[in-house]
C-alpha atoms as a PDB file:
ATOM      1  CA  MET A   1     -19.266   1.836   6.977  1.00  0.00           C
ATOM      2  CA  LYS A   2     -17.741   4.232   4.793  1.00  0.00           C
ATOM      3  CA  HIS A   3     -14.131   5.717   5.505  1.00  0.00           C
ATOM      4  CA  THR A   4     -13.161   9.332   4.764  1.00  0.00           C
ATOM      5  CA  ASN A   5     -10.908  10.212   1.779  1.00  0.00           C
ATOM      6  CA  HIS A   6      -8.275  10.823   4.454  1.00  0.00           C
ATOM      7  CA  ALA A   7      -8.118   6.962   5.398  1.00  0.00           C
ATOM      8  CA  ASP A   8      -8.199   6.025   1.749  1.00  0.00           C
ATOM      9  CA  TYR A   9      -5.377   8.620   0.509  1.00  0.00           C
ATOM     10  CA  ALA A  10      -3.275   7.328   3.699  1.00  0.00           C
ATOM     11  CA  LEU A  11      -3.520   3.691   2.455  1.00  0.00           C
ATOM     12  CA  ARG A  12      -2.699   4.908  -0.910  1.00  0.00           C
ATOM     13  CA  VAL A  13       0.495   6.730   0.314  1.00  0.00           C
ATOM     14  CA  LEU A  14       1.706   3.849   2.730  1.00  0.00           C
ATOM     15  CA  MET A  15       1.173   1.294  -0.741  1.00  0.00           C
ATOM     16  CA  TYR A  16       3.167   3.788  -3.144  1.00  0.00           C
ATOM     17  CA  LEU A  17       5.760   3.995  -0.372  1.00  0.00           C
ATOM     18  CA  ARG A  18       6.045   0.397   0.111  1.00  0.00           C
ATOM     19  CA  VAL A  19       6.643  -0.031  -3.464  1.00  0.00           C
ATOM     20  CA  ALA A  20       8.699   3.244  -4.431  1.00  0.00           C
ATOM     21  CA  PRO A  21      12.435   2.952  -4.964  1.00  0.00           C
ATOM     22  CA  GLY A  22      14.128   3.831  -1.795  1.00  0.00           C
ATOM     23  CA  ARG A  23      10.759   3.978  -0.185  1.00  0.00           C
ATOM     24  CA  ARG A  24      10.711   7.554  -0.455  1.00  0.00           C
ATOM     25  CA  GLY A  25       8.552   9.830  -2.404  1.00  0.00           C
ATOM     26  CA  SER A  26       7.490  13.335  -2.643  1.00  0.00           C
ATOM     27  CA  ILE A  27       3.317  14.467  -1.794  1.00  0.00           C
ATOM     28  CA  ALA A  28       3.512  15.978  -5.451  1.00  0.00           C
ATOM     29  CA  GLY A  29       4.826  12.408  -7.061  1.00  0.00           C
ATOM     30  CA  ILE A  30       2.510  10.524  -4.883  1.00  0.00           C
ATOM     31  CA  ALA A  31      -0.535  12.709  -5.785  1.00  0.00           C
ATOM     32  CA  ALA A  32      -0.093  12.251  -9.356  1.00  0.00           C
ATOM     33  CA  ALA A  33       0.554   8.686  -9.275  1.00  0.00           C
ATOM     34  CA  HIS A  34      -2.897   8.267  -7.745  1.00  0.00           C
ATOM     35  CA  ARG A  35      -4.512  11.307  -9.767  1.00  0.00           C
ATOM     36  CA  ILE A  36      -5.634  12.965  -6.327  1.00  0.00           C
ATOM     37  CA  SER A  37      -5.287  16.490  -5.232  1.00  0.00           C
ATOM     38  CA  ARG A  38      -1.966  17.692  -3.850  1.00  0.00           C
ATOM     39  CA  HIS A  39      -3.387  20.088  -1.700  1.00  0.00           C
ATOM     40  CA  HIS A  40      -5.357  17.347   0.263  1.00  0.00           C
ATOM     41  CA  LEU A  41      -2.453  14.850   0.110  1.00  0.00           C
ATOM     42  CA  ASP A  42      -0.438  17.401   2.184  1.00  0.00           C
ATOM     43  CA  LYS A  43      -3.055  17.427   4.814  1.00  0.00           C
ATOM     44  CA  VAL A  44      -3.347  13.540   4.894  1.00  0.00           C
ATOM     45  CA  VAL A  45       0.704  13.158   5.055  1.00  0.00           C
ATOM     46  CA  ARG A  46       0.647  15.764   7.817  1.00  0.00           C
ATOM     47  CA  ARG A  47      -1.810  13.688   9.711  1.00  0.00           C
ATOM     48  CA  MET A  48       0.391  10.687   9.117  1.00  0.00           C
ATOM     49  CA  ALA A  49       3.390  12.137  10.430  1.00  0.00           C
ATOM     50  CA  ALA A  50       1.969  13.463  13.337  1.00  0.00           C
ATOM     51  CA  ALA A  51       0.627   9.733  13.943  1.00  0.00           C
ATOM     52  CA  GLY A  52       4.083   8.047  13.328  1.00  0.00           C
ATOM     53  CA  LEU A  53       3.144   6.385  10.177  1.00  0.00           C
ATOM     54  CA  VAL A  54       5.543   8.450   7.845  1.00  0.00           C
ATOM     55  CA  GLN A  55       8.395  10.975   8.588  1.00  0.00           C
ATOM     56  CA  THR A  56       8.836  13.975   6.515  1.00  0.00           C
ATOM     57  CA  THR A  57      12.282  16.035   5.595  1.00  0.00           C
ATOM     58  CA  ARG A  58      12.265  19.407   3.821  1.00  0.00           C
ATOM     59  CA  GLY A  59      14.728  20.388   0.821  1.00  0.00           C
ATOM     60  CA  ARG A  60      16.264  18.740  -1.623  1.00  0.00           C
ATOM     61  CA  GLY A  61      16.468  14.830  -0.969  1.00  0.00           C
ATOM     62  CA  GLY A  62      13.760  15.015   1.320  1.00  0.00           C
ATOM     63  CA  GLY A  63      10.341  13.750   1.016  1.00  0.00           C
ATOM     64  CA  VAL A  64       7.769  11.449   2.736  1.00  0.00           C
ATOM     65  CA  GLN A  65       9.298   7.629   3.726  1.00  0.00           C
ATOM     66  CA  LEU A  66       8.144   5.156   6.154  1.00  0.00           C
ATOM     67  CA  THR A  67       9.098   5.262   9.890  1.00  0.00           C
ATOM     68  CA  ARG A  68       8.684   1.527  10.282  1.00  0.00           C
ATOM     69  CA  ARG A  69       8.928  -1.849   8.114  1.00  0.00           C
ATOM     70  CA  PRO A  70       5.459  -2.357   6.146  1.00  0.00           C
ATOM     71  CA  ASP A  71       5.150  -5.748   8.065  1.00  0.00           C
ATOM     72  CA  GLY A  72       4.948  -3.810  11.229  1.00  0.00           C
ATOM     73  CA  ILE A  73       2.246  -1.276   9.947  1.00  0.00           C
ATOM     74  CA  SER A  74      -1.138  -2.529  10.581  1.00  0.00           C
ATOM     75  CA  LEU A  75      -4.431  -1.740   8.690  1.00  0.00           C
ATOM     76  CA  GLY A  76      -6.022  -1.541  12.227  1.00  0.00           C
ATOM     77  CA  ASP A  77      -3.159   1.390  13.371  1.00  0.00           C
ATOM     78  CA  VAL A  78      -3.409   3.526   9.752  1.00  0.00           C
ATOM     79  CA  MET A  79      -7.587   3.471  10.064  1.00  0.00           C
ATOM     80  CA  ARG A  80      -7.519   4.559  13.859  1.00  0.00           C
ATOM     81  CA  ALA A  81      -5.021   7.206  13.236  1.00  0.00           C
ATOM     82  CA  MET A  82      -6.949   8.457  10.240  1.00  0.00           C
ATOM     83  CA  GLU A  83     -10.359   8.011  11.369  1.00  0.00           C
ATOM     84  CA  ASP A  84     -12.235  10.155  14.022  1.00  0.00           C
ATOM     85  CA  ASP A  85     -15.164   8.285  14.780  1.00  0.00           C
ATOM     86  CA  PHE A  86     -16.265   4.561  13.983  1.00  0.00           C
ATOM     87  CA  ALA A  87     -19.628   5.166  15.782  1.00  0.00           C
ATOM     88  CA  VAL A  88     -21.673   3.127  13.187  1.00  0.00           C
ATOM     89  CA  VAL A  89     -24.731   3.726  15.430  1.00  0.00           C
ATOM     90  CA  GLU A  90     -25.302   6.827  17.800  1.00  0.00           C
ATOM     91  CA  CYS A  91     -25.040   4.418  20.910  1.00  0.00           C
ATOM     92  CA  LEU A  92     -21.248   3.839  19.925  1.00  0.00           C
ATOM     93  CA  GLY A  93     -20.657   7.366  19.813  1.00  0.00           C
ATOM     94  CA  ALA A  94     -19.674   9.724  22.632  1.00  0.00           C
ATOM     95  CA  ALA A  95     -23.216  11.460  22.662  1.00  0.00           C
ATOM     96  CA  ARG A  96     -26.233   9.071  23.306  1.00  0.00           C
ATOM     97  CA  PHE A  97     -29.368  10.868  22.392  1.00  0.00           C
ATOM     98  CA  CYS A  98     -31.104   7.675  21.414  1.00  0.00           C
ATOM     99  CA  ARG A  99     -34.454   7.238  23.190  1.00  0.00           C
ATOM    100  CA  ILE A 100     -34.096   3.378  23.637  1.00  0.00           C
ATOM    101  CA  ALA A 101     -30.136   3.337  24.024  1.00  0.00           C
ATOM    102  CA  GLY A 102     -29.930   0.841  26.723  1.00  0.00           C
ATOM    103  CA  VAL A 103     -32.789  -1.092  26.147  1.00  0.00           C
ATOM    104  CA  CYS A 104     -32.154  -2.507  23.194  1.00  0.00           C
ATOM    105  CA  GLY A 105     -29.466  -4.716  21.647  1.00  0.00           C
ATOM    106  CA  ALA A 106     -27.885  -2.764  19.124  1.00  0.00           C
ATOM    107  CA  ARG A 107     -24.838  -1.453  21.071  1.00  0.00           C
ATOM    108  CA  SER A 108     -23.658  -4.740  22.084  1.00  0.00           C
ATOM    109  CA  VAL A 109     -24.100  -6.146  18.083  1.00  0.00           C
ATOM    110  CA  PHE A 110     -22.481  -3.200  16.661  1.00  0.00           C
ATOM    111  CA  ALA A 111     -19.467  -3.136  19.181  1.00  0.00           C
ATOM    112  CA  ARG A 112     -18.820  -7.082  18.578  1.00  0.00           C
ATOM    113  CA  ALA A 113     -18.978  -6.009  14.646  1.00  0.00           C
ATOM    114  CA  LEU A 114     -16.788  -3.219  14.984  1.00  0.00           C
ATOM    115  CA  ASP A 115     -14.264  -5.550  17.245  1.00  0.00           C
ATOM    116  CA  SER A 116     -14.426  -8.004  14.514  1.00  0.00           C
ATOM    117  CA  TYR A 117     -13.537  -5.336  11.719  1.00  0.00           C
ATOM    118  CA  PHE A 118     -10.694  -4.294  13.794  1.00  0.00           C
ATOM    119  CA  ALA A 119      -9.503  -7.974  14.421  1.00  0.00           C
ATOM    120  CA  VAL A 120      -9.085  -8.112  10.823  1.00  0.00           C
ATOM    121  CA  LEU A 121      -7.260  -4.714  10.243  1.00  0.00           C
ATOM    122  CA  ASP A 122      -5.196  -5.560  13.162  1.00  0.00           C
ATOM    123  CA  GLY A 123      -3.933  -8.920  11.563  1.00  0.00           C
ATOM    124  CA  ALA A 124      -3.210  -7.164   8.402  1.00  0.00           C
ATOM    125  CA  THR A 125      -0.270  -5.139   7.439  1.00  0.00           C
ATOM    126  CA  LEU A 126       1.018  -3.077   4.744  1.00  0.00           C
ATOM    127  CA  ASP A 127       2.862  -5.706   3.076  1.00  0.00           C
ATOM    128  CA  ASP A 128      -0.361  -7.743   2.685  1.00  0.00           C
ATOM    129  CA  LEU A 129      -2.111  -4.888   1.194  1.00  0.00           C
ATOM    130  CA  ALA A 130       1.156  -4.230  -1.130  1.00  0.00           C
ATOM    131  CA  ALA A 131       2.045  -7.894  -1.936  1.00  0.00           C
ATOM    132  CA  ASN A 132       1.642  -7.013  -5.994  1.00  0.00           C
ATOM    133  CA  ASP A 133       5.248  -5.148  -6.079  1.00  0.00           C
ATOM    134  CA  LEU A 134       5.066  -5.297 -10.178  1.00  0.00           C
ATOM    135  CA  GLY A 135       1.596  -4.615 -10.458  1.00  0.00           C
ATOM    136  CA  LEU A 136       1.531  -1.524  -8.270  1.00  0.00           C
ATOM    137  CA  ARG A 137       4.755  -0.395  -9.179  1.00  0.00           C
ATOM    138  CA  GLY A 138       3.062  -0.350 -12.766  1.00  0.00           C
ATOM    139  CA  ALA A 139      -0.041   1.180 -11.800  1.00  0.00           C
ATOM    140  CA  LEU A 140       1.501   4.176 -10.296  1.00  0.00           C
ATOM    141  CA  GLY A 141       4.130   4.458 -12.946  1.00  0.00           C
ATOM    142  CA  LEU A 142       7.334   3.854 -11.052  1.00  0.00           C
ATOM    143  CA  SER A 143      10.499   2.420 -12.292  1.00  0.00           C
ATOM    144  CA  GLY A 144      13.526   0.749 -10.562  1.00  0.00           C
ATOM    145  CA  ASN A 145      14.251  -1.699  -8.407  1.00  0.00           C
ATOM    146  CA  PRO A 146      11.458  -2.737  -5.629  1.00  0.00           C
ATOM    147  CA  VAL A 147      12.581  -2.355  -1.986  1.00  0.00           C
ATOM    148  CA  ARG A 148      12.727  -5.885  -0.425  1.00  0.00           C
ATOM    149  CA  SER A 149       9.791  -6.207   1.915  1.00  0.00           C
ATOM    150  CA  ASN A 150      12.139  -7.244   4.887  1.00  0.00           C
ATOM    151  CA  ALA A 151      14.430  -4.268   4.396  1.00  0.00           C
ATOM    152  CA  SER A 152      14.401  -1.289   6.767  1.00  0.00           C
ATOM    153  CA  PRO A 153      12.842   1.572   5.923  1.00  0.00           C
ATOM    154  CA  PRO A 154      15.470   4.319   4.917  1.00  0.00           C
ATOM    155  CA  VAL A 155      15.846   6.854   7.609  1.00  0.00           C
ATOM    156  CA  GLY A 156      17.756  10.107   7.335  1.00  0.00           C
ATOM    157  CA  GLU A 157      19.812  12.024   9.662  1.00  0.00           C
ATOM    158  CA  GLU A 158      17.615  12.698  12.821  1.00  0.00           C
ATOM    159  CA  ALA A 159      18.644  16.452  13.086  1.00  0.00           C
ATOM    160  CA  HIS A 160      17.166  17.164   9.330  1.00  0.00           C
ATOM    161  CA  VAL A 161      13.423  15.282  10.081  1.00  0.00           C
ATOM    162  CA  GLU A 162      10.424  17.461  10.607  1.00  0.00           C
ATOM    163  CA  ARG A 163       7.710  15.280  11.522  1.00  0.00           C
ATOM    164  CA  GLY A 164       4.191  16.864  10.088  1.00  0.00           C
ATOM    165  CA  ALA A 165       6.337  19.440   8.136  1.00  0.00           C
ATOM    166  CA  ALA A 166       3.444  21.408   6.199  1.00  0.00           C
ATOM    167  CA  GLY A 167       4.501  21.548   2.646  1.00  0.00           C
ATOM    168  CA  ALA A 168       7.095  18.480   2.966  1.00  0.00           C
ATOM    169  CA  GLY A 169       8.189  16.522  -0.151  1.00  0.00           C
ATOM    170  CA  ARG A 170       7.398  19.375  -2.583  1.00  0.00           C
END
């Protein structure tokens, strides 16, 4: 099973924010650190904001930040929010045109495999994925002190937060 770039980029954004000073970053800064398209990353961040994984704030001092502590963001939640289709075989999808659907064992086998896949992802958090603070910070070119994993994410004034704002963090 291969995931889309949106899921991959979402994980990269979350890891960046996990180790960034103040757990805040700009779309431009995150895109530059990962050497990925700012345009694509903007779409990903908007989708992440709509799913409640991050919040965006416009203007000076704005940017992208986590909405929850890293130990409260499961990788299963991220994948479900970023991927539209987990039907690895046709019979798991909404449309079933396979002539042998219902008489072969593929559906039950792949459904169990998918359940196992999500059991693993639901048991892993952003903290697990980004446990190597110093290594990630070095690879991403971040300086400053890392935020302790048990610290709450910084939350700006609620009146100024726009979820999913296009162009946020630029």
